[in-house]
PDB file of N, CA and C in Angstrom:
ATOM      1  N   UNK A   1     -18.691-204.292 -41.003  1.00  0.00           N
ATOM      2  CA  UNK A   1     -17.940-203.745 -42.103  1.00  0.00           C
ATOM      3  C   UNK A   1     -18.043-202.228 -42.051  1.00  0.00           C
ATOM      4  N   UNK A   2     -16.918-201.562 -42.264  1.00  0.00           N
ATOM      5  CA  UNK A   2     -16.941-200.099 -42.195  1.00  0.00           C
ATOM      6  C   UNK A   2     -17.455-199.518 -43.503  1.00  0.00           C
ATOM      7  N   UNK A   3     -18.057-198.364 -43.374  1.00  0.00           N
ATOM      8  CA  UNK A   3     -18.599-197.678 -44.539  1.00  0.00           C
ATOM      9  C   UNK A   3     -17.479-196.949 -45.259  1.00  0.00           C
ATOM     10  N   UNK A   4     -17.594-196.790 -46.577  1.00  0.00           N
ATOM     11  CA  UNK A   4     -16.590-196.013 -47.318  1.00  0.00           C
ATOM     12  C   UNK A   4     -16.553-194.579 -46.810  1.00  0.00           C
ATOM     13  N   UNK A   5     -15.373-193.998 -46.824  1.00  0.00           N
ATOM     14  CA  UNK A   5     -15.157-192.614 -46.409  1.00  0.00           C
ATOM     15  C   UNK A   5     -15.386-192.365 -44.922  1.00  0.00           C
ATOM     16  N   UNK A   6     -15.510-193.403 -44.143  1.00  0.00           N
ATOM     17  CA  UNK A   6     -15.648-193.232 -42.705  1.00  0.00           C
ATOM     18  C   UNK A   6     -14.257-193.241 -42.098  1.00  0.00           C
ATOM     19  N   UNK A   7     -14.002-192.269 -41.279  1.00  0.00           N
ATOM     20  CA  UNK A   7     -12.698-192.177 -40.630  1.00  0.00           C
ATOM     21  C   UNK A   7     -12.614-193.221 -39.516  1.00  0.00           C
ATOM     22  N   UNK A   8     -11.454-193.877 -39.438  1.00  0.00           N
ATOM     23  CA  UNK A   8     -11.245-194.893 -38.405  1.00  0.00           C
ATOM     24  C   UNK A   8      -9.991-194.551 -37.629  1.00  0.00           C
ATOM     25  N   UNK A   9     -10.034-194.769 -36.334  1.00  0.00           N
ATOM     26  CA  UNK A   9      -8.871-194.590 -35.475  1.00  0.00           C
ATOM     27  C   UNK A   9      -8.449-195.943 -34.943  1.00  0.00           C
ATOM     28  N   UNK A  10      -7.201-196.253 -35.120  1.00  0.00           N
ATOM     29  CA  UNK A  10      -6.648-197.453 -34.509  1.00  0.00           C
ATOM     30  C   UNK A  10      -5.868-196.986 -33.281  1.00  0.00           C
ATOM     31  N   UNK A  11      -6.441-197.191 -32.106  1.00  0.00           N
ATOM     32  CA  UNK A  11      -5.836-196.673 -30.884  1.00  0.00           C
ATOM     33  C   UNK A  11      -4.475-197.291 -30.595  1.00  0.00           C
ATOM     34  N   UNK A  12      -4.297-198.543 -30.934  1.00  0.00           N
ATOM     35  CA  UNK A  12      -2.992-199.179 -30.698  1.00  0.00           C
ATOM     36  C   UNK A  12      -1.911-198.495 -31.533  1.00  0.00           C
ATOM     37  N   UNK A  13      -2.231-198.169 -32.775  1.00  0.00           N
ATOM     38  CA  UNK A  13      -1.282-197.465 -33.636  1.00  0.00           C
ATOM     39  C   UNK A  13      -0.994-196.073 -33.079  1.00  0.00           C
ATOM     40  N   UNK A  14      -2.033-195.365 -32.673  1.00  0.00           N
ATOM     41  CA  UNK A  14      -1.859-194.026 -32.114  1.00  0.00           C
ATOM     42  C   UNK A  14      -1.067-194.055 -30.814  1.00  0.00           C
ATOM     43  N   UNK A  15      -1.296-195.064 -29.995  1.00  0.00           N
ATOM     44  CA  UNK A  15      -0.527-195.191 -28.747  1.00  0.00           C
ATOM     45  C   UNK A  15       0.955-195.409 -29.045  1.00  0.00           C
ATOM     46  N   UNK A  16       1.241-196.240 -30.014  1.00  0.00           N
ATOM     47  CA  UNK A  16       2.634-196.493 -30.380  1.00  0.00           C
ATOM     48  C   UNK A  16       3.293-195.213 -30.898  1.00  0.00           C
ATOM     49  N   UNK A  17       2.565-194.443 -31.694  1.00  0.00           N
ATOM     50  CA  UNK A  17       3.095-193.178 -32.212  1.00  0.00           C
ATOM     51  C   UNK A  17       3.326-192.190 -31.077  1.00  0.00           C
ATOM     52  N   UNK A  18       2.387-192.128 -30.124  1.00  0.00           N
ATOM     53  CA  UNK A  18       2.515-191.219 -28.986  1.00  0.00           C
ATOM     54  C   UNK A  18       3.716-191.604 -28.130  1.00  0.00           C
ATOM     55  N   UNK A  19       3.885-192.900 -27.903  1.00  0.00           N
ATOM     56  CA  UNK A  19       5.010-193.341 -27.083  1.00  0.00           C
ATOM     57  C   UNK A  19       6.334-193.008 -27.764  1.00  0.00           C
ATOM     58  N   UNK A  20       6.398-193.190 -29.074  1.00  0.00           N
ATOM     59  CA  UNK A  20       7.625-192.863 -29.804  1.00  0.00           C
ATOM     60  C   UNK A  20       7.902-191.362 -29.744  1.00  0.00           C
ATOM     61  N   UNK A  21       6.868-190.555 -29.909  1.00  0.00           N
ATOM     62  CA  UNK A  21       7.040-189.098 -29.889  1.00  0.00           C
ATOM     63  C   UNK A  21       7.451-188.604 -28.508  1.00  0.00           C
ATOM     64  N   UNK A  22       6.932-189.235 -27.458  1.00  0.00           N
ATOM     65  CA  UNK A  22       7.231-188.809 -26.091  1.00  0.00           C
ATOM     66  C   UNK A  22       8.502-189.449 -25.544  1.00  0.00           C
ATOM     67  N   UNK A  23       8.969-190.486 -26.205  1.00  0.00           N
ATOM     68  CA  UNK A  23      10.163-191.169 -25.731  1.00  0.00           C
ATOM     69  C   UNK A  23       9.891-192.111 -24.564  1.00  0.00           C
ATOM     70  N   UNK A  24       8.641-192.447 -24.340  1.00  0.00           N
ATOM     71  CA  UNK A  24       8.280-193.370 -23.273  1.00  0.00           C
ATOM     72  C   UNK A  24       6.983-192.954 -22.613  1.00  0.00           C
ATOM     73  N   UNK A  25       6.641-193.692 -21.556  1.00  0.00           N
ATOM     74  CA  UNK A  25       5.382-193.446 -20.856  1.00  0.00           C
ATOM     75  C   UNK A  25       5.577-192.839 -19.476  1.00  0.00           C
ATOM     76  N   UNK A  26       6.822-192.654 -19.050  1.00  0.00           N
ATOM     77  CA  UNK A  26       7.064-192.307 -17.657  1.00  0.00           C
ATOM     78  C   UNK A  26       7.998-191.114 -17.487  1.00  0.00           C
ATOM     79  N   UNK A  27       7.831-190.457 -16.347  1.00  0.00           N
ATOM     80  CA  UNK A  27       8.707-189.390 -15.900  1.00  0.00           C
ATOM     81  C   UNK A  27       9.501-189.944 -14.724  1.00  0.00           C
ATOM     82  N   UNK A  28      10.817-189.925 -14.831  1.00  0.00           N
ATOM     83  CA  UNK A  28      11.672-190.367 -13.725  1.00  0.00           C
ATOM     84  C   UNK A  28      12.078-189.152 -12.903  1.00  0.00           C
ATOM     85  N   UNK A  29      11.936-189.276 -11.600  1.00  0.00           N
ATOM     86  CA  UNK A  29      12.273-188.206 -10.672  1.00  0.00           C
ATOM     87  C   UNK A  29      13.334-188.735  -9.719  1.00  0.00           C
ATOM     88  N   UNK A  30      14.471-188.059  -9.669  1.00  0.00           N
ATOM     89  CA  UNK A  30      15.548-188.463  -8.776  1.00  0.00           C
ATOM     90  C   UNK A  30      15.583-187.590  -7.543  1.00  0.00           C
ATOM     91  N   UNK A  31      15.773-188.222  -6.396  1.00  0.00           N
ATOM     92  CA  UNK A  31      15.952-187.500  -5.138  1.00  0.00           C
ATOM     93  C   UNK A  31      16.964-188.291  -4.331  1.00  0.00           C
ATOM     94  N   UNK A  32      18.111-187.662  -4.078  1.00  0.00           N
ATOM     95  CA  UNK A  32      19.189-188.390  -3.419  1.00  0.00           C
ATOM     96  C   UNK A  32      19.655-189.513  -4.325  1.00  0.00           C
ATOM     97  N   UNK A  33      19.795-190.689  -3.762  1.00  0.00           N
ATOM     98  CA  UNK A  33      20.226-191.860  -4.531  1.00  0.00           C
ATOM     99  C   UNK A  33      19.050-192.652  -5.094  1.00  0.00           C
ATOM    100  N   UNK A  34      17.858-192.143  -4.946  1.00  0.00           N
ATOM    101  CA  UNK A  34      16.672-192.905  -5.329  1.00  0.00           C
ATOM    102  C   UNK A  34      15.985-192.307  -6.546  1.00  0.00           C
ATOM    103  N   UNK A  35      15.312-193.167  -7.275  1.00  0.00           N
ATOM    104  CA  UNK A  35      14.557-192.764  -8.456  1.00  0.00           C
ATOM    105  C   UNK A  35      13.103-193.162  -8.260  1.00  0.00           C
ATOM    106  N   UNK A  36      12.234-192.221  -8.574  1.00  0.00           N
ATOM    107  CA  UNK A  36      10.796-192.439  -8.478  1.00  0.00           C
ATOM    108  C   UNK A  36      10.216-192.292  -9.876  1.00  0.00           C
ATOM    109  N   UNK A  37       9.228-193.104 -10.194  1.00  0.00           N
ATOM    110  CA  UNK A  37       8.682-193.117 -11.550  1.00  0.00           C
ATOM    111  C   UNK A  37       7.194-192.784 -11.504  1.00  0.00           C
ATOM    112  N   UNK A  38       6.809-191.816 -12.345  1.00  0.00           N
ATOM    113  CA  UNK A  38       5.413-191.420 -12.478  1.00  0.00           C
ATOM    114  C   UNK A  38       5.010-191.531 -13.936  1.00  0.00           C
ATOM    115  N   UNK A  39       3.820-192.059 -14.217  1.00  0.00           N
ATOM    116  CA  UNK A  39       3.377-192.125 -15.609  1.00  0.00           C
ATOM    117  C   UNK A  39       3.101-190.720 -16.138  1.00  0.00           C
ATOM    118  N   UNK A  40       3.453-190.489 -17.397  1.00  0.00           N
ATOM    119  CA  UNK A  40       3.140-189.220 -18.040  1.00  0.00           C
ATOM    120  C   UNK A  40       1.624-189.077 -18.151  1.00  0.00           C
ATOM    121  N   UNK A  41       1.143-187.859 -18.107  1.00  0.00           N
ATOM    122  CA  UNK A  41      -0.296-187.590 -18.051  1.00  0.00           C
ATOM    123  C   UNK A  41      -1.079-188.219 -19.197  1.00  0.00           C
ATOM    124  N   UNK A  42      -0.510-188.268 -20.374  1.00  0.00           N
ATOM    125  CA  UNK A  42      -1.253-188.821 -21.509  1.00  0.00           C
ATOM    126  C   UNK A  42      -1.465-190.327 -21.392  1.00  0.00           C
ATOM    127  N   UNK A  43      -0.870-190.957 -20.386  1.00  0.00           N
ATOM    128  CA  UNK A  43      -1.032-192.395 -20.165  1.00  0.00           C
ATOM    129  C   UNK A  43      -1.878-192.708 -18.929  1.00  0.00           C
ATOM    130  N   UNK A  44      -2.381-191.673 -18.245  1.00  0.00           N
ATOM    131  CA  UNK A  44      -3.217-191.911 -17.072  1.00  0.00           C
ATOM    132  C   UNK A  44      -4.539-192.528 -17.507  1.00  0.00           C
ATOM    133  N   UNK A  45      -4.982-193.580 -16.825  1.00  0.00           N
ATOM    134  CA  UNK A  45      -6.306-194.139 -17.128  1.00  0.00           C
ATOM    135  C   UNK A  45      -7.391-193.094 -16.849  1.00  0.00           C
ATOM    136  N   UNK A  46      -8.453-193.103 -17.604  1.00  0.00           N
ATOM    137  CA  UNK A  46      -9.522-192.132 -17.416  1.00  0.00           C
ATOM    138  C   UNK A  46     -10.140-192.241 -16.020  1.00  0.00           C
ATOM    139  N   UNK A  47     -10.130-193.426 -15.412  1.00  0.00           N
ATOM    140  CA  UNK A  47     -10.639-193.549 -14.043  1.00  0.00           C
ATOM    141  C   UNK A  47      -9.797-192.712 -13.084  1.00  0.00           C
ATOM    142  N   UNK A  48      -8.487-192.658 -13.318  1.00  0.00           N
ATOM    143  CA  UNK A  48      -7.599-191.844 -12.489  1.00  0.00           C
ATOM    144  C   UNK A  48      -7.848-190.365 -12.739  1.00  0.00           C
ATOM    145  N   UNK A  49      -8.055-189.983 -13.982  1.00  0.00           N
ATOM    146  CA  UNK A  49      -8.333-188.582 -14.321  1.00  0.00           C
ATOM    147  C   UNK A  49      -9.597-188.118 -13.597  1.00  0.00           C
ATOM    148  N   UNK A  50     -10.614-188.968 -13.565  1.00  0.00           N
ATOM    149  CA  UNK A  50     -11.857-188.614 -12.868  1.00  0.00           C
ATOM    150  C   UNK A  50     -11.603-188.407 -11.380  1.00  0.00           C
ATOM    151  N   UNK A  51     -10.786-189.247 -10.781  1.00  0.00           N
ATOM    152  CA  UNK A  51     -10.467-189.108  -9.355  1.00  0.00           C
ATOM    153  C   UNK A  51      -9.696-187.817  -9.093  1.00  0.00           C
ATOM    154  N   UNK A  52      -8.772-187.471  -9.987  1.00  0.00           N
ATOM    155  CA  UNK A  52      -7.999-186.233  -9.837  1.00  0.00           C
ATOM    156  C   UNK A  52      -8.928-185.029  -9.961  1.00  0.00           C
ATOM    157  N   UNK A  53      -9.823-185.061 -10.929  1.00  0.00           N
ATOM    158  CA  UNK A  53     -10.765-183.950 -11.118  1.00  0.00           C
ATOM    159  C   UNK A  53     -11.691-183.786  -9.921  1.00  0.00           C
ATOM    160  N   UNK A  54     -11.945-184.866  -9.204  1.00  0.00           N
ATOM    161  CA  UNK A  54     -12.814-184.804  -8.025  1.00  0.00           C
ATOM    162  C   UNK A  54     -12.106-184.166  -6.824  1.00  0.00           C
ATOM    163  N   UNK A  55     -10.778-184.024  -6.883  1.00  0.00           N
ATOM    164  CA  UNK A  55     -10.021-183.428  -5.782  1.00  0.00           C
ATOM    165  C   UNK A  55     -10.091-181.905  -5.863  1.00  0.00           C
ATOM    166  N   UNK A  56     -11.177-181.344  -5.442  1.00  0.00           N
ATOM    167  CA  UNK A  56     -11.330-179.892  -5.505  1.00  0.00           C
ATOM    168  C   UNK A  56     -11.273-179.258  -4.128  1.00  0.00           C
ATOM    169  N   UNK A  57     -11.286-180.054  -3.100  1.00  0.00           N
ATOM    170  CA  UNK A  57     -11.280-179.551  -1.733  1.00  0.00           C
ATOM    171  C   UNK A  57      -9.903-179.000  -1.397  1.00  0.00           C
ATOM    172  N   UNK A  58      -9.855-177.743  -1.009  1.00  0.00           N
ATOM    173  CA  UNK A  58      -8.576-177.099  -0.693  1.00  0.00           C
ATOM    174  C   UNK A  58      -7.877-177.772   0.488  1.00  0.00           C
ATOM    175  N   UNK A  59      -8.629-178.501   1.307  1.00  0.00           N
ATOM    176  CA  UNK A  59      -8.036-179.180   2.450  1.00  0.00           C
ATOM    177  C   UNK A  59      -7.355-180.491   2.064  1.00  0.00           C
ATOM    178  N   UNK A  60      -7.541-180.948   0.823  1.00  0.00           N
ATOM    179  CA  UNK A  60      -6.921-182.187   0.372  1.00  0.00           C
ATOM    180  C   UNK A  60      -5.403-182.060   0.377  1.00  0.00           C
ATOM    181  N   UNK A  61      -4.740-183.134   0.698  1.00  0.00           N
ATOM    182  CA  UNK A  61      -3.285-183.197   0.623  1.00  0.00           C
ATOM    183  C   UNK A  61      -2.899-183.133  -0.851  1.00  0.00           C
ATOM    184  N   UNK A  62      -2.110-182.123  -1.233  1.00  0.00           N
ATOM    185  CA  UNK A  62      -1.762-181.952  -2.644  1.00  0.00           C
ATOM    186  C   UNK A  62      -1.010-183.156  -3.201  1.00  0.00           C
ATOM    187  N   UNK A  63      -0.318-183.895  -2.349  1.00  0.00           N
ATOM    188  CA  UNK A  63       0.416-185.063  -2.840  1.00  0.00           C
ATOM    189  C   UNK A  63      -0.521-186.204  -3.223  1.00  0.00           C
ATOM    190  N   UNK A  64      -1.812-186.063  -2.933  1.00  0.00           N
ATOM    191  CA  UNK A  64      -2.785-187.106  -3.294  1.00  0.00           C
ATOM    192  C   UNK A  64      -2.801-187.324  -4.805  1.00  0.00           C
ATOM    193  N   UNK A  65      -2.576-186.261  -5.567  1.00  0.00           N
ATOM    194  CA  UNK A  65      -2.528-186.410  -7.028  1.00  0.00           C
ATOM    195  C   UNK A  65      -1.425-187.387  -7.420  1.00  0.00           C
ATOM    196  N   UNK A  66      -0.238-187.205  -6.832  1.00  0.00           N
ATOM    197  CA  UNK A  66       0.872-188.109  -7.134  1.00  0.00           C
ATOM    198  C   UNK A  66       0.552-189.527  -6.700  1.00  0.00           C
ATOM    199  N   UNK A  67      -0.105-189.669  -5.549  1.00  0.00           N
ATOM    200  CA  UNK A  67      -0.459-191.002  -5.051  1.00  0.00           C
ATOM    201  C   UNK A  67      -1.472-191.678  -5.976  1.00  0.00           C
ATOM    202  N   UNK A  68      -2.383-190.901  -6.554  1.00  0.00           N
ATOM    203  CA  UNK A  68      -3.370-191.478  -7.468  1.00  0.00           C
ATOM    204  C   UNK A  68      -2.730-192.015  -8.743  1.00  0.00           C
ATOM    205  N   UNK A  69      -1.668-191.350  -9.214  1.00  0.00           N
ATOM    206  CA  UNK A  69      -1.040-191.807 -10.461  1.00  0.00           C
ATOM    207  C   UNK A  69       0.084-192.803 -10.216  1.00  0.00           C
ATOM    208  N   UNK A  70       0.517-192.947  -8.961  1.00  0.00           N
ATOM    209  CA  UNK A  70       1.574-193.927  -8.675  1.00  0.00           C
ATOM    210  C   UNK A  70       1.136-194.795  -7.501  1.00  0.00           C
ATOM    211  N   UNK A  71       1.608-194.481  -6.304  1.00  0.00           N
ATOM    212  CA  UNK A  71       1.195-195.238  -5.124  1.00  0.00           C
ATOM    213  C   UNK A  71       1.408-194.406  -3.869  1.00  0.00           C
ATOM    214  N   UNK A  72       0.613-194.711  -2.849  1.00  0.00           N
ATOM    215  CA  UNK A  72       0.779-194.033  -1.563  1.00  0.00           C
ATOM    216  C   UNK A  72       2.176-194.273  -1.010  1.00  0.00           C
ATOM    217  N   UNK A  73       2.678-195.495  -1.167  1.00  0.00           N
ATOM    218  CA  UNK A  73       3.990-195.843  -0.631  1.00  0.00           C
ATOM    219  C   UNK A  73       5.095-195.008  -1.260  1.00  0.00           C
ATOM    220  N   UNK A  74       5.037-194.856  -2.573  1.00  0.00           N
ATOM    221  CA  UNK A  74       6.068-194.083  -3.264  1.00  0.00           C
ATOM    222  C   UNK A  74       6.032-192.617  -2.819  1.00  0.00           C
ATOM    223  N   UNK A  75       4.849-192.049  -2.725  1.00  0.00           N
ATOM    224  CA  UNK A  75       4.707-190.643  -2.338  1.00  0.00           C
ATOM    225  C   UNK A  75       5.103-190.461  -0.874  1.00  0.00           C
ATOM    226  N   UNK A  76       4.690-191.375  -0.007  1.00  0.00           N
ATOM    227  CA  UNK A  76       5.088-191.300   1.403  1.00  0.00           C
ATOM    228  C   UNK A  76       6.600-191.326   1.536  1.00  0.00           C
ATOM    229  N   UNK A  77       7.255-192.158   0.739  1.00  0.00           N
ATOM    230  CA  UNK A  77       8.715-192.244   0.787  1.00  0.00           C
ATOM    231  C   UNK A  77       9.351-190.939   0.292  1.00  0.00           C
ATOM    232  N   UNK A  78       8.801-190.366  -0.768  1.00  0.00           N
ATOM    233  CA  UNK A  78       9.281-189.066  -1.249  1.00  0.00           C
ATOM    234  C   UNK A  78       9.165-188.004  -0.160  1.00  0.00           C
ATOM    235  N   UNK A  79       8.040-187.989   0.537  1.00  0.00           N
ATOM    236  CA  UNK A  79       7.820-187.021   1.615  1.00  0.00           C
ATOM    237  C   UNK A  79       8.820-187.257   2.742  1.00  0.00           C
ATOM    238  N   UNK A  80       9.057-188.528   3.084  1.00  0.00           N
ATOM    239  CA  UNK A  80      10.034-188.862   4.126  1.00  0.00           C
ATOM    240  C   UNK A  80      11.433-188.376   3.759  1.00  0.00           C
ATOM    241  N   UNK A  81      11.744-188.378   2.466  1.00  0.00           N
ATOM    242  CA  UNK A  81      13.060-187.939   2.003  1.00  0.00           C
ATOM    243  C   UNK A  81      13.169-186.419   1.917  1.00  0.00           C
ATOM    244  N   UNK A  82      12.068-185.725   2.219  1.00  0.00           N
ATOM    245  CA  UNK A  82      12.127-184.271   2.253  1.00  0.00           C
ATOM    246  C   UNK A  82      11.543-183.563   1.051  1.00  0.00           C
ATOM    247  N   UNK A  83      10.571-184.166   0.374  1.00  0.00           N
ATOM    248  CA  UNK A  83       9.917-183.511  -0.758  1.00  0.00           C
ATOM    249  C   UNK A  83       9.434-182.127  -0.335  1.00  0.00           C
ATOM    250  N   UNK A  84       9.770-181.114  -1.121  1.00  0.00           N
ATOM    251  CA  UNK A  84       9.342-179.746  -0.824  1.00  0.00           C
ATOM    252  C   UNK A  84       8.189-179.353  -1.748  1.00  0.00           C
ATOM    253  N   UNK A  85       7.549-178.249  -1.429  1.00  0.00           N
ATOM    254  CA  UNK A  85       6.489-177.740  -2.294  1.00  0.00           C
ATOM    255  C   UNK A  85       7.051-177.427  -3.678  1.00  0.00           C
ATOM    256  N   UNK A  86       8.250-176.867  -3.719  1.00  0.00           N
ATOM    257  CA  UNK A  86       8.888-176.588  -5.008  1.00  0.00           C
ATOM    258  C   UNK A  86       9.132-177.857  -5.810  1.00  0.00           C
ATOM    259  N   UNK A  87       9.557-178.931  -5.125  1.00  0.00           N
ATOM    260  CA  UNK A  87       9.753-180.222  -5.800  1.00  0.00           C
ATOM    261  C   UNK A  87       8.436-180.710  -6.399  1.00  0.00           C
ATOM    262  N   UNK A  88       7.382-180.645  -5.581  1.00  0.00           N
ATOM    263  CA  UNK A  88       6.058-181.067  -6.031  1.00  0.00           C
ATOM    264  C   UNK A  88       5.635-180.258  -7.255  1.00  0.00           C
ATOM    265  N   UNK A  89       5.843-178.936  -7.201  1.00  0.00           N
ATOM    266  CA  UNK A  89       5.461-178.076  -8.317  1.00  0.00           C
ATOM    267  C   UNK A  89       6.264-178.415  -9.575  1.00  0.00           C
ATOM    268  N   UNK A  90       7.548-178.729  -9.416  1.00  0.00           N
ATOM    269  CA  UNK A  90       8.372-179.118 -10.569  1.00  0.00           C
ATOM    270  C   UNK A  90       7.859-180.408 -11.205  1.00  0.00           C
ATOM    271  N   UNK A  91       7.493-181.376 -10.371  1.00  0.00           N
ATOM    272  CA  UNK A  91       6.965-182.646 -10.887  1.00  0.00           C
ATOM    273  C   UNK A  91       5.656-182.391 -11.630  1.00  0.00           C
ATOM    274  N   UNK A  92       4.759-181.634 -11.002  1.00  0.00           N
ATOM    275  CA  UNK A  92       3.462-181.369 -11.631  1.00  0.00           C
ATOM    276  C   UNK A  92       3.629-180.557 -12.919  1.00  0.00           C
ATOM    277  N   UNK A  93       4.578-179.624 -12.944  1.00  0.00           N
ATOM    278  CA  UNK A  93       4.830-178.849 -14.156  1.00  0.00           C
ATOM    279  C   UNK A  93       5.281-179.761 -15.299  1.00  0.00           C
ATOM    280  N   UNK A  94       6.157-180.709 -14.995  1.00  0.00           N
ATOM    281  CA  UNK A  94       6.625-181.650 -16.020  1.00  0.00           C
ATOM    282  C   UNK A  94       5.478-182.521 -16.520  1.00  0.00           C
ATOM    283  N   UNK A  95       4.618-182.970 -15.611  1.00  0.00           N
ATOM    284  CA  UNK A  95       3.476-183.789 -16.011  1.00  0.00           C
ATOM    285  C   UNK A  95       2.476-182.963 -16.818  1.00  0.00           C
ATOM    286  N   UNK A  96       2.221-181.724 -16.403  1.00  0.00           N
ATOM    287  CA  UNK A  96       1.301-180.856 -17.138  1.00  0.00           C
ATOM    288  C   UNK A  96       1.853-180.496 -18.509  1.00  0.00           C
ATOM    289  N   UNK A  97       3.157-180.286 -18.586  1.00  0.00           N
ATOM    290  CA  UNK A  97       3.784-179.986 -19.875  1.00  0.00           C
ATOM    291  C   UNK A  97       3.560-181.143 -20.841  1.00  0.00           C
ATOM    292  N   UNK A  98       3.700-182.367 -20.331  1.00  0.00           N
ATOM    293  CA  UNK A  98       3.445-183.548 -21.160  1.00  0.00           C
ATOM    294  C   UNK A  98       2.001-183.571 -21.644  1.00  0.00           C
ATOM    295  N   UNK A  99       1.081-183.125 -20.789  1.00  0.00           N
ATOM    296  CA  UNK A  99      -0.344-183.143 -21.145  1.00  0.00           C
ATOM    297  C   UNK A  99      -0.738-181.962 -22.018  1.00  0.00           C
ATOM    298  N   UNK A 100       0.214-181.027 -22.242  1.00  0.00           N
ATOM    299  CA  UNK A 100      -0.080-179.867 -23.065  1.00  0.00           C
ATOM    300  C   UNK A 100      -0.825-178.784 -22.313  1.00  0.00           C
ATOM    301  N   UNK A 101      -0.747-178.811 -20.979  1.00  0.00           N
ATOM    302  CA  UNK A 101      -1.401-177.800 -20.163  1.00  0.00           C
ATOM    303  C   UNK A 101      -0.419-176.667 -19.931  1.00  0.00           C
ATOM    304  N   UNK A 102      -0.851-175.450 -20.210  1.00  0.00           N
ATOM    305  CA  UNK A 102       0.013-174.289 -20.026  1.00  0.00           C
ATOM    306  C   UNK A 102      -0.188-173.693 -18.638  1.00  0.00           C
ATOM    307  N   UNK A 103       0.762-172.886 -18.156  1.00  0.00           N
ATOM    308  CA  UNK A 103       0.593-172.258 -16.836  1.00  0.00           C
ATOM    309  C   UNK A 103      -0.735-171.511 -16.757  1.00  0.00           C
ATOM    310  N   UNK A 104      -1.405-171.658 -15.602  1.00  0.00           N
ATOM    311  CA  UNK A 104      -2.700-171.042 -15.420  1.00  0.00           C
ATOM    312  C   UNK A 104      -3.844-171.985 -15.719  1.00  0.00           C
ATOM    313  N   UNK A 105      -3.562-173.068 -16.435  1.00  0.00           N
ATOM    314  CA  UNK A 105      -4.562-174.082 -16.704  1.00  0.00           C
ATOM    315  C   UNK A 105      -4.366-175.224 -15.723  1.00  0.00           C
ATOM    316  N   UNK A 106      -5.241-176.171 -15.789  1.00  0.00           N
ATOM    317  CA  UNK A 106      -5.153-177.336 -14.923  1.00  0.00           C
ATOM    318  C   UNK A 106      -5.647-178.549 -15.672  1.00  0.00           C
ATOM    319  N   UNK A 107      -5.088-179.717 -15.358  1.00  0.00           N
ATOM    320  CA  UNK A 107      -5.605-180.941 -15.961  1.00  0.00           C
ATOM    321  C   UNK A 107      -6.998-181.241 -15.444  1.00  0.00           C
ATOM    322  N   UNK A 108      -7.423-180.551 -14.374  1.00  0.00           N
ATOM    323  CA  UNK A 108      -8.742-180.809 -13.802  1.00  0.00           C
ATOM    324  C   UNK A 108      -9.792-179.813 -14.292  1.00  0.00           C
ATOM    325  N   UNK A 109      -9.449-178.942 -15.241  1.00  0.00           N
ATOM    326  CA  UNK A 109     -10.448-178.005 -15.737  1.00  0.00           C
ATOM    327  C   UNK A 109     -11.497-178.757 -16.530  1.00  0.00           C
ATOM    328  N   UNK A 110     -12.735-178.323 -16.399  1.00  0.00           N
ATOM    329  CA  UNK A 110     -13.814-179.010 -17.098  1.00  0.00           C
ATOM    330  C   UNK A 110     -14.225-178.233 -18.331  1.00  0.00           C
ATOM    331  N   UNK A 111     -14.661-178.943 -19.319  1.00  0.00           N
ATOM    332  CA  UNK A 111     -15.097-178.316 -20.576  1.00  0.00           C
ATOM    333  C   UNK A 111     -16.587-178.192 -20.615  1.00  0.00           C
TER     334      UNK A 111
END
């Protein structure tokens, strides 16, 4: 039983409100005749966030972030279709904007 005056969060209610405010859980990316779907940052599982934060090695393939939130197959196909660095930056900017990260910040910054 909860104590009086104790604040309670119902995560299911908050998730529904977040989804309504964001208009969904996914970012659709079109390239040519194909559409690729990436989950918005606020829907990434915390296990995925931890894996992304662990990618600090400058030698890492930058597309690994996209593969962690979607799939290697989807990212490989995007690369085969000619994904450019600018395309990658546009996708990451849209995902960071969803997460409320401003330019100069990173979703991998630690507190």
